[in-house]
């Protein structure tokens, strides 16, 4: 978590130098929504189709929409816990750095509460017909594994992007490639 705070601080400082300190907030929201969408696919599949509570819920006097909404809210609650770790550092760094008042933190709370709803809703809408088709073809396990493999691929791709992006390796570029940030020139 300390590394993420440092990264968010670097994005805030870079944005402030460009006259756009809110850049750290935009990147955090974009990252959070992408992660909510991709990881939410697997969570939606597991909660909607592989949970053991359906035989208990179906005989109860509940409408199918109520069951679906409760399961969606369960997935959304898990997303809030996950999203808290993604949003908290950038929002705190920006708020402290800009000397923001109460209204900023109230707006940040509203953004936190509403940000995962659309990507998780889209992910759930994608999962519903896909798993309906998969249940007819008896391919649920295949799609579950495929979803987790794709999510892992996105996570590895993000890691690869961070390693190959020259923005994250400025000390090597400034010092001549030896990683030493001293003002002396490297000897040849």
Protein backbone atom coordinates (compact mmCIF):
# COMPACT_ATOMS: atom_id res chain seq x y z
CA UNK A 1 0.00 0.00 0.00
CA UNK A 2 2.94 2.31 0.64
CA UNK A 3 4.10 1.90 -2.94
CA UNK A 4 0.65 2.85 -4.19
CA UNK A 5 0.70 5.97 -1.98
CA UNK A 6 4.08 6.86 -3.49
CA UNK A 7 2.81 6.29 -7.01
CA UNK A 8 -0.29 8.40 -6.37
CA UNK A 9 1.93 11.13 -4.90
CA UNK A 10 4.13 11.05 -8.01
CA UNK A 11 1.09 11.34 -10.28
CA UNK A 12 -0.20 14.24 -8.18
CA UNK A 13 3.17 16.01 -8.34
CA UNK A 14 3.43 15.43 -12.09
CA UNK A 15 -0.10 16.69 -12.64
CA UNK A 16 0.56 19.73 -10.49
CA UNK A 17 3.65 20.57 -12.57
CA UNK A 18 1.47 20.38 -15.68
CA UNK A 19 -1.18 22.56 -14.06
CA UNK A 20 -3.56 19.59 -13.80
CA UNK A 21 -3.35 18.26 -10.23
CA UNK A 22 -6.70 16.47 -10.65
CA UNK A 23 -4.99 14.05 -13.05
CA UNK A 24 -4.34 11.68 -10.13
CA UNK A 25 -8.08 11.54 -9.45
CA UNK A 26 -8.96 10.82 -13.07
CA UNK A 27 -6.40 8.03 -13.27
CA UNK A 28 -7.58 6.51 -9.99
CA UNK A 29 -11.21 6.54 -11.10
CA UNK A 30 -10.32 5.03 -14.48
CA UNK A 31 -8.17 2.33 -12.86
CA UNK A 32 -10.86 1.60 -10.27
CA UNK A 33 -13.62 1.28 -12.83
CA UNK A 34 -11.56 -0.98 -15.09
CA UNK A 35 -10.66 -3.23 -12.17
CA UNK A 36 -14.28 -3.28 -10.98
CA UNK A 37 -15.44 -4.34 -14.44
CA UNK A 38 -12.89 -7.10 -15.00
CA UNK A 39 -12.81 -8.56 -11.51
CA UNK A 40 -16.55 -8.07 -11.16
CA UNK A 41 -17.18 -10.49 -14.01
CA UNK A 42 -15.77 -13.38 -12.00
CA UNK A 43 -17.46 -12.27 -8.79
CA UNK A 44 -20.82 -11.93 -10.56
CA UNK A 45 -20.50 -15.42 -12.03
CA UNK A 46 -19.66 -16.95 -8.67
CA UNK A 47 -22.39 -15.12 -6.73
CA UNK A 48 -25.14 -15.45 -9.32
CA UNK A 49 -24.53 -18.99 -10.50
CA UNK A 50 -22.35 -20.93 -8.09
CA UNK A 51 -23.67 -19.87 -4.70
CA UNK A 52 -25.36 -22.47 -2.55
CA UNK A 53 -28.17 -20.20 -1.32
CA UNK A 54 -30.43 -20.46 -4.39
CA UNK A 55 -32.26 -23.60 -3.17
CA UNK A 56 -33.04 -21.72 0.05
CA UNK A 57 -34.08 -18.45 -1.64
CA UNK A 58 -36.28 -19.79 -4.44
CA UNK A 59 -39.09 -21.25 -2.24
CA UNK A 60 -39.34 -17.98 -0.28
CA UNK A 61 -41.97 -15.41 -1.29
CA UNK A 62 -39.41 -13.28 -3.12
CA UNK A 63 -39.60 -12.00 -6.66
CA UNK A 64 -36.75 -13.04 -8.97
CA UNK A 65 -35.85 -9.36 -9.37
CA UNK A 66 -35.39 -9.04 -5.61
CA UNK A 67 -33.07 -12.04 -5.52
CA UNK A 68 -31.08 -10.69 -8.46
CA UNK A 69 -30.87 -7.23 -6.88
CA UNK A 70 -29.70 -8.65 -3.55
CA UNK A 71 -27.01 -10.69 -5.28
CA UNK A 72 -25.94 -7.64 -7.30
CA UNK A 73 -25.69 -5.62 -4.09
CA UNK A 74 -23.59 -8.39 -2.53
CA UNK A 75 -21.12 -8.20 -5.43
CA UNK A 76 -21.21 -4.39 -5.25
CA UNK A 77 -20.39 -4.50 -1.51
CA UNK A 78 -17.32 -6.60 -2.28
CA UNK A 79 -16.37 -4.06 -4.94
CA UNK A 80 -16.62 -1.19 -2.41
CA UNK A 81 -14.15 -2.92 -0.12
CA UNK A 82 -11.77 -3.45 -3.02
CA UNK A 83 -12.32 0.07 -4.40
CA UNK A 84 -11.58 1.66 -1.05
CA UNK A 85 -7.93 0.65 -1.41
CA UNK A 86 -7.81 2.01 -4.98
CA UNK A 87 -9.50 5.38 -4.29
CA UNK A 88 -8.32 6.28 -0.81
CA UNK A 89 -4.64 7.17 -1.48
CA UNK A 90 -5.19 9.41 -4.54
CA UNK A 91 -8.20 11.15 -3.03
CA UNK A 92 -6.37 11.82 0.24
CA UNK A 93 -3.20 12.99 -1.51
CA UNK A 94 -5.14 15.38 -3.74
CA UNK A 95 -7.29 16.65 -0.87
CA UNK A 96 -4.34 17.30 1.40
CA UNK A 97 -2.17 18.71 -1.40
CA UNK A 98 -4.84 21.16 -2.56
CA UNK A 99 -6.05 22.02 0.94
CA UNK A 100 -9.55 20.89 0.06
CA UNK A 101 -12.44 21.51 2.37
CA UNK A 102 -15.45 19.55 3.53
CA UNK A 103 -17.25 19.82 0.18
CA UNK A 104 -14.39 18.03 -1.61
CA UNK A 105 -14.52 15.09 0.78
CA UNK A 106 -18.30 14.94 0.49
CA UNK A 107 -17.98 14.88 -3.31
CA UNK A 108 -15.25 12.23 -3.07
CA UNK A 109 -17.58 10.08 -0.97
CA UNK A 110 -20.34 10.44 -3.59
CA UNK A 111 -17.90 9.48 -6.35
CA UNK A 112 -16.77 6.48 -4.29
CA UNK A 113 -20.37 5.34 -3.81
CA UNK A 114 -21.47 5.74 -7.44
CA UNK A 115 -18.28 4.88 -9.38
CA UNK A 116 -18.56 1.07 -9.29
CA UNK A 117 -22.28 0.90 -10.08
CA UNK A 118 -22.05 1.36 -13.87
CA UNK A 119 -19.07 -0.94 -14.57
CA UNK A 120 -20.44 -3.65 -12.26
CA UNK A 121 -23.89 -3.27 -13.80
CA UNK A 122 -22.44 -3.63 -17.30
CA UNK A 123 -20.42 -6.64 -16.20
CA UNK A 124 -23.48 -8.27 -14.66
CA UNK A 125 -25.54 -7.57 -17.78
CA UNK A 126 -22.80 -9.22 -19.81
CA UNK A 127 -22.67 -12.24 -17.49
CA UNK A 128 -26.43 -12.94 -17.39
CA UNK A 129 -26.99 -13.91 -21.05
CA UNK A 130 -23.56 -15.48 -21.31
CA UNK A 131 -24.18 -17.83 -18.38
CA UNK A 132 -27.71 -18.52 -19.58
CA UNK A 133 -26.23 -19.70 -22.86
CA UNK A 134 -23.45 -21.54 -21.04
CA UNK A 135 -25.92 -23.44 -18.85
CA UNK A 136 -27.62 -24.71 -21.98
CA UNK A 137 -24.26 -25.76 -23.41
CA UNK A 138 -22.99 -27.02 -20.04
CA UNK A 139 -19.97 -24.77 -20.29
CA UNK A 140 -20.25 -22.80 -17.04
CA UNK A 141 -16.94 -24.01 -15.68
CA UNK A 142 -15.21 -23.06 -18.93
CA UNK A 143 -16.51 -19.49 -18.78
CA UNK A 144 -15.66 -19.16 -15.12
CA UNK A 145 -12.08 -20.23 -15.73
CA UNK A 146 -11.92 -18.04 -18.85
CA UNK A 147 -13.08 -15.01 -16.87
CA UNK A 148 -10.45 -15.53 -14.19
CA UNK A 149 -7.72 -16.12 -16.80
CA UNK A 150 -8.69 -12.91 -18.61
CA UNK A 151 -8.69 -11.01 -15.30
CA UNK A 152 -5.25 -12.39 -14.50
CA UNK A 153 -4.09 -11.41 -17.99
CA UNK A 154 -5.28 -7.83 -17.42
CA UNK A 155 -3.46 -7.71 -14.07
CA UNK A 156 -0.24 -9.01 -15.64
CA UNK A 157 -0.67 -6.58 -18.55
CA UNK A 158 -0.95 -3.66 -16.13
CA UNK A 159 2.16 -4.85 -14.31
CA UNK A 160 4.01 -5.17 -17.64
CA UNK A 161 2.88 -1.67 -18.62
CA UNK A 162 4.23 -0.23 -15.37
CA UNK A 163 7.58 -1.97 -15.85
CA UNK A 164 8.03 -0.90 -19.49
CA UNK A 165 6.73 2.65 -19.17
CA UNK A 166 9.62 5.16 -19.09
CA UNK A 167 7.61 7.44 -16.78
CA UNK A 168 8.21 5.01 -13.91
CA UNK A 169 11.95 4.76 -14.59
CA UNK A 170 12.92 8.43 -14.75
CA UNK A 171 15.87 8.00 -12.42
CA UNK A 172 17.55 5.72 -14.95
CA UNK A 173 16.92 8.17 -17.77
CA UNK A 174 18.13 11.20 -15.81
CA UNK A 175 21.29 9.60 -14.49
CA UNK A 176 22.44 8.04 -17.72
CA UNK A 177 21.04 4.55 -17.19
CA UNK A 178 23.00 3.40 -14.15
CA UNK A 179 20.23 4.09 -11.62
CA UNK A 180 22.49 6.43 -9.64
CA UNK A 181 20.86 9.82 -9.15
CA UNK A 182 24.06 11.67 -8.32
CA UNK A 183 24.99 14.80 -10.23
CA UNK A 184 28.24 13.28 -11.45
CA UNK A 185 28.42 11.95 -14.99
CA UNK A 186 28.99 8.22 -15.35
CA UNK A 187 32.52 7.32 -16.31
CA UNK A 188 33.08 5.77 -19.70
